[in-house]
Amino acid sequence: MAKRKTKTKVEQPRHFKVASEALRAVLSGYRQSEATWMDDVERANECIRMSFEKNDDVFEESEILINKYEFLNKKRSGKQDG
């Protein structure tokens, strides 16, 4: 039973960490349009809510947002350099 409690304590920070990384990526990332960005802010906030519920879907949704904003930042950097 002690193992189970420890596992729960370890899982929540992982869920929250990935969700907060997604939120940071969206808030600090390059925006192509305000409407799309606002939708992504709401998706990132939903990731935060899912992390508190320990919903494993947070990993997939967060990865999508993080990858999108990493791509947009690289795309933007490439245009500035060229």
N, C-alpha and C. Protein backbone atom coordinates (compact mmCIF):
# COMPACT_ATOMS: atom_id res chain seq x y z
N MET A 1 0.82 -1.19 0.00
CA MET A 1 0.00 0.00 0.00
C MET A 1 0.87 1.26 0.00
N ALA A 2 1.99 1.21 0.65
CA ALA A 2 2.89 2.35 0.66
C ALA A 2 3.41 2.64 -0.74
N LYS A 3 3.65 1.59 -1.54
CA LYS A 3 4.09 1.78 -2.91
C LYS A 3 3.06 2.55 -3.72
N ARG A 4 1.82 2.22 -3.53
CA ARG A 4 0.75 2.86 -4.29
C ARG A 4 0.69 4.36 -3.99
N LYS A 5 0.82 4.74 -2.74
CA LYS A 5 0.81 6.15 -2.38
C LYS A 5 2.01 6.87 -2.99
N THR A 6 3.15 6.24 -2.96
CA THR A 6 4.34 6.84 -3.55
C THR A 6 4.16 7.03 -5.04
N LYS A 7 3.60 6.03 -5.71
CA LYS A 7 3.38 6.12 -7.15
C LYS A 7 2.46 7.30 -7.47
N THR A 8 1.41 7.49 -6.71
CA THR A 8 0.49 8.59 -6.93
C THR A 8 1.20 9.93 -6.77
N LYS A 9 2.04 10.04 -5.77
CA LYS A 9 2.76 11.29 -5.55
C LYS A 9 3.74 11.57 -6.69
N VAL A 10 4.29 10.54 -7.28
CA VAL A 10 5.24 10.72 -8.38
C VAL A 10 4.49 11.04 -9.67
N GLU A 11 3.34 10.44 -9.91
CA GLU A 11 2.62 10.64 -11.15
C GLU A 11 2.10 12.06 -11.32
N GLN A 12 1.54 12.65 -10.28
CA GLN A 12 0.95 13.97 -10.44
C GLN A 12 1.97 15.00 -10.89
N PRO A 13 3.16 15.07 -10.29
CA PRO A 13 4.12 16.05 -10.80
C PRO A 13 4.49 15.83 -12.27
N ARG A 14 4.56 14.57 -12.71
CA ARG A 14 4.85 14.30 -14.13
C ARG A 14 3.75 14.86 -15.01
N HIS A 15 2.50 14.60 -14.62
CA HIS A 15 1.37 15.11 -15.38
C HIS A 15 1.41 16.64 -15.41
N PHE A 16 1.62 17.24 -14.26
CA PHE A 16 1.63 18.69 -14.17
C PHE A 16 2.83 19.28 -14.91
N LYS A 17 3.97 18.61 -14.84
CA LYS A 17 5.17 19.12 -15.50
C LYS A 17 4.96 19.22 -17.00
N VAL A 18 4.43 18.18 -17.61
CA VAL A 18 4.24 18.20 -19.06
C VAL A 18 3.16 19.22 -19.43
N ALA A 19 2.13 19.35 -18.61
CA ALA A 19 1.08 20.32 -18.88
C ALA A 19 1.61 21.75 -18.77
N SER A 20 2.42 22.00 -17.77
CA SER A 20 2.98 23.34 -17.61
C SER A 20 3.98 23.66 -18.72
N GLU A 21 4.69 22.66 -19.22
CA GLU A 21 5.60 22.88 -20.35
C GLU A 21 4.80 23.26 -21.60
N ALA A 22 3.65 22.63 -21.79
CA ALA A 22 2.79 22.97 -22.93
C ALA A 22 2.27 24.40 -22.80
N LEU A 23 1.84 24.77 -21.61
CA LEU A 23 1.35 26.13 -21.39
C LEU A 23 2.45 27.15 -21.63
N ARG A 24 3.65 26.87 -21.14
CA ARG A 24 4.78 27.77 -21.35
C ARG A 24 5.09 27.91 -22.83
N ALA A 25 5.07 26.80 -23.56
CA ALA A 25 5.36 26.83 -25.00
C ALA A 25 4.35 27.71 -25.74
N VAL A 26 3.09 27.58 -25.38
CA VAL A 26 2.05 28.35 -26.05
C VAL A 26 2.17 29.84 -25.70
N LEU A 27 2.33 30.13 -24.41
CA LEU A 27 2.37 31.53 -23.99
C LEU A 27 3.60 32.27 -24.48
N SER A 28 4.71 31.57 -24.62
CA SER A 28 5.94 32.24 -25.03
C SER A 28 6.29 32.01 -26.50
N GLY A 29 5.47 31.23 -27.19
CA GLY A 29 5.79 30.86 -28.56
C GLY A 29 5.31 31.86 -29.59
N TYR A 30 5.74 31.63 -30.81
CA TYR A 30 5.37 32.46 -31.96
C TYR A 30 3.90 32.23 -32.30
N ARG A 31 3.19 33.30 -32.58
CA ARG A 31 1.76 33.22 -32.89
C ARG A 31 1.54 33.52 -34.37
N GLN A 32 0.88 32.59 -35.06
CA GLN A 32 0.55 32.85 -36.46
C GLN A 32 -0.71 33.71 -36.56
N SER A 33 -1.69 33.44 -35.73
CA SER A 33 -2.90 34.25 -35.69
C SER A 33 -3.42 34.28 -34.27
N GLU A 34 -4.06 35.37 -33.92
CA GLU A 34 -4.56 35.52 -32.56
C GLU A 34 -5.63 34.48 -32.23
N ALA A 35 -6.52 34.20 -33.18
CA ALA A 35 -7.61 33.25 -32.93
C ALA A 35 -7.06 31.85 -32.66
N THR A 36 -6.10 31.41 -33.46
CA THR A 36 -5.50 30.09 -33.26
C THR A 36 -4.76 30.04 -31.94
N TRP A 37 -4.05 31.11 -31.64
CA TRP A 37 -3.29 31.18 -30.39
C TRP A 37 -4.23 31.10 -29.19
N MET A 38 -5.35 31.81 -29.24
CA MET A 38 -6.31 31.78 -28.13
C MET A 38 -6.87 30.37 -27.94
N ASP A 39 -7.13 29.67 -29.04
CA ASP A 39 -7.59 28.28 -28.96
C ASP A 39 -6.53 27.41 -28.29
N ASP A 40 -5.27 27.64 -28.65
CA ASP A 40 -4.17 26.85 -28.07
C ASP A 40 -3.97 27.18 -26.59
N VAL A 41 -4.19 28.42 -26.20
CA VAL A 41 -4.11 28.78 -24.78
C VAL A 41 -5.18 28.00 -24.01
N GLU A 42 -6.37 27.91 -24.57
CA GLU A 42 -7.44 27.16 -23.91
C GLU A 42 -7.09 25.67 -23.85
N ARG A 43 -6.49 25.14 -24.92
CA ARG A 43 -6.07 23.73 -24.92
C ARG A 43 -5.01 23.48 -23.85
N ALA A 44 -4.08 24.42 -23.70
CA ALA A 44 -3.04 24.29 -22.68
C ALA A 44 -3.64 24.37 -21.28
N ASN A 45 -4.61 25.25 -21.10
CA ASN A 45 -5.29 25.32 -19.81
C ASN A 45 -6.05 24.03 -19.51
N GLU A 46 -6.61 23.43 -20.53
CA GLU A 46 -7.28 22.14 -20.36
C GLU A 46 -6.26 21.07 -19.95
N CYS A 47 -5.06 21.15 -20.47
CA CYS A 47 -3.99 20.23 -20.08
C CYS A 47 -3.69 20.38 -18.58
N ILE A 48 -3.66 21.60 -18.10
CA ILE A 48 -3.44 21.83 -16.67
C ILE A 48 -4.55 21.17 -15.86
N ARG A 49 -5.79 21.36 -16.29
CA ARG A 49 -6.92 20.73 -15.59
C ARG A 49 -6.81 19.21 -15.62
N MET A 50 -6.44 18.67 -16.78
CA MET A 50 -6.30 17.21 -16.90
C MET A 50 -5.19 16.70 -15.99
N SER A 51 -4.13 17.50 -15.80
CA SER A 51 -3.02 17.05 -14.95
C SER A 51 -3.47 16.89 -13.50
N PHE A 52 -4.36 17.75 -13.05
CA PHE A 52 -4.86 17.63 -11.67
C PHE A 52 -5.72 16.38 -11.50
N GLU A 53 -6.34 15.95 -12.58
CA GLU A 53 -7.17 14.73 -12.57
C GLU A 53 -6.33 13.49 -12.87
N LYS A 54 -5.04 13.68 -13.14
CA LYS A 54 -4.12 12.60 -13.51
C LYS A 54 -4.60 11.87 -14.76
N ASN A 55 -5.16 12.61 -15.67
CA ASN A 55 -5.65 12.07 -16.93
C ASN A 55 -4.45 11.88 -17.86
N ASP A 56 -4.20 10.66 -18.28
CA ASP A 56 -3.03 10.37 -19.11
C ASP A 56 -3.11 10.99 -20.50
N ASP A 57 -4.29 11.45 -20.92
CA ASP A 57 -4.42 12.13 -22.21
C ASP A 57 -3.62 13.43 -22.24
N VAL A 58 -3.27 13.93 -21.07
CA VAL A 58 -2.50 15.17 -20.99
C VAL A 58 -1.15 15.03 -21.71
N PHE A 59 -0.57 13.85 -21.70
CA PHE A 59 0.73 13.65 -22.34
C PHE A 59 0.63 13.84 -23.85
N GLU A 60 -0.38 13.28 -24.46
CA GLU A 60 -0.56 13.40 -25.91
C GLU A 60 -0.90 14.83 -26.31
N GLU A 61 -1.86 15.42 -25.61
CA GLU A 61 -2.29 16.79 -25.93
C GLU A 61 -1.15 17.79 -25.73
N SER A 62 -0.41 17.63 -24.65
CA SER A 62 0.72 18.54 -24.38
C SER A 62 1.79 18.40 -25.45
N GLU A 63 2.08 17.16 -25.84
CA GLU A 63 3.10 16.93 -26.86
C GLU A 63 2.72 17.61 -28.18
N ILE A 64 1.45 17.56 -28.52
CA ILE A 64 0.99 18.21 -29.75
C ILE A 64 1.26 19.72 -29.69
N LEU A 65 0.91 20.33 -28.57
CA LEU A 65 1.12 21.77 -28.43
C LEU A 65 2.60 22.13 -28.41
N ILE A 66 3.38 21.38 -27.65
CA ILE A 66 4.82 21.66 -27.56
C ILE A 66 5.46 21.53 -28.95
N ASN A 67 5.15 20.45 -29.66
CA ASN A 67 5.72 20.26 -31.01
C ASN A 67 5.29 21.36 -31.96
N LYS A 68 4.04 21.78 -31.88
CA LYS A 68 3.53 22.84 -32.76
C LYS A 68 4.31 24.13 -32.55
N TYR A 69 4.51 24.52 -31.30
CA TYR A 69 5.18 25.79 -31.03
C TYR A 69 6.69 25.71 -31.23
N GLU A 70 7.27 24.55 -31.06
CA GLU A 70 8.69 24.37 -31.42
C GLU A 70 8.84 24.52 -32.93
N PHE A 71 7.94 23.92 -33.69
CA PHE A 71 7.96 24.03 -35.15
C PHE A 71 7.80 25.49 -35.59
N LEU A 72 6.83 26.19 -34.99
CA LEU A 72 6.61 27.58 -35.37
C LEU A 72 7.81 28.46 -35.04
N ASN A 73 8.45 28.19 -33.91
CA ASN A 73 9.64 28.97 -33.55
C ASN A 73 10.79 28.70 -34.52
N LYS A 74 10.96 27.44 -34.92
CA LYS A 74 12.01 27.10 -35.89
C LYS A 74 11.72 27.74 -37.25
N LYS A 75 10.45 27.69 -37.65
CA LYS A 75 10.03 28.27 -38.92
C LYS A 75 10.29 29.78 -38.92
N ARG A 76 9.96 30.41 -37.84
CA ARG A 76 10.17 31.86 -37.71
C ARG A 76 11.66 32.18 -37.72
N SER A 77 12.45 31.41 -36.99
CA SER A 77 13.89 31.63 -36.95
C SER A 77 14.52 31.44 -38.32
N GLY A 78 14.04 30.45 -39.05
CA GLY A 78 14.55 30.19 -40.39
C GLY A 78 14.28 31.34 -41.33
N LYS A 79 13.12 31.97 -41.21
CA LYS A 79 12.77 33.10 -42.06
C LYS A 79 13.63 34.32 -41.72
N GLN A 80 13.95 34.50 -40.45
CA GLN A 80 14.75 35.63 -40.04
C GLN A 80 16.19 35.47 -40.50
N ASP A 81 16.70 34.24 -40.47
CA ASP A 81 18.10 34.00 -40.84
C ASP A 81 18.28 34.09 -42.36
N GLY A 82 17.23 33.77 -43.14
CA GLY A 82 17.38 33.69 -44.58
C GLY A 82 16.94 34.86 -45.25
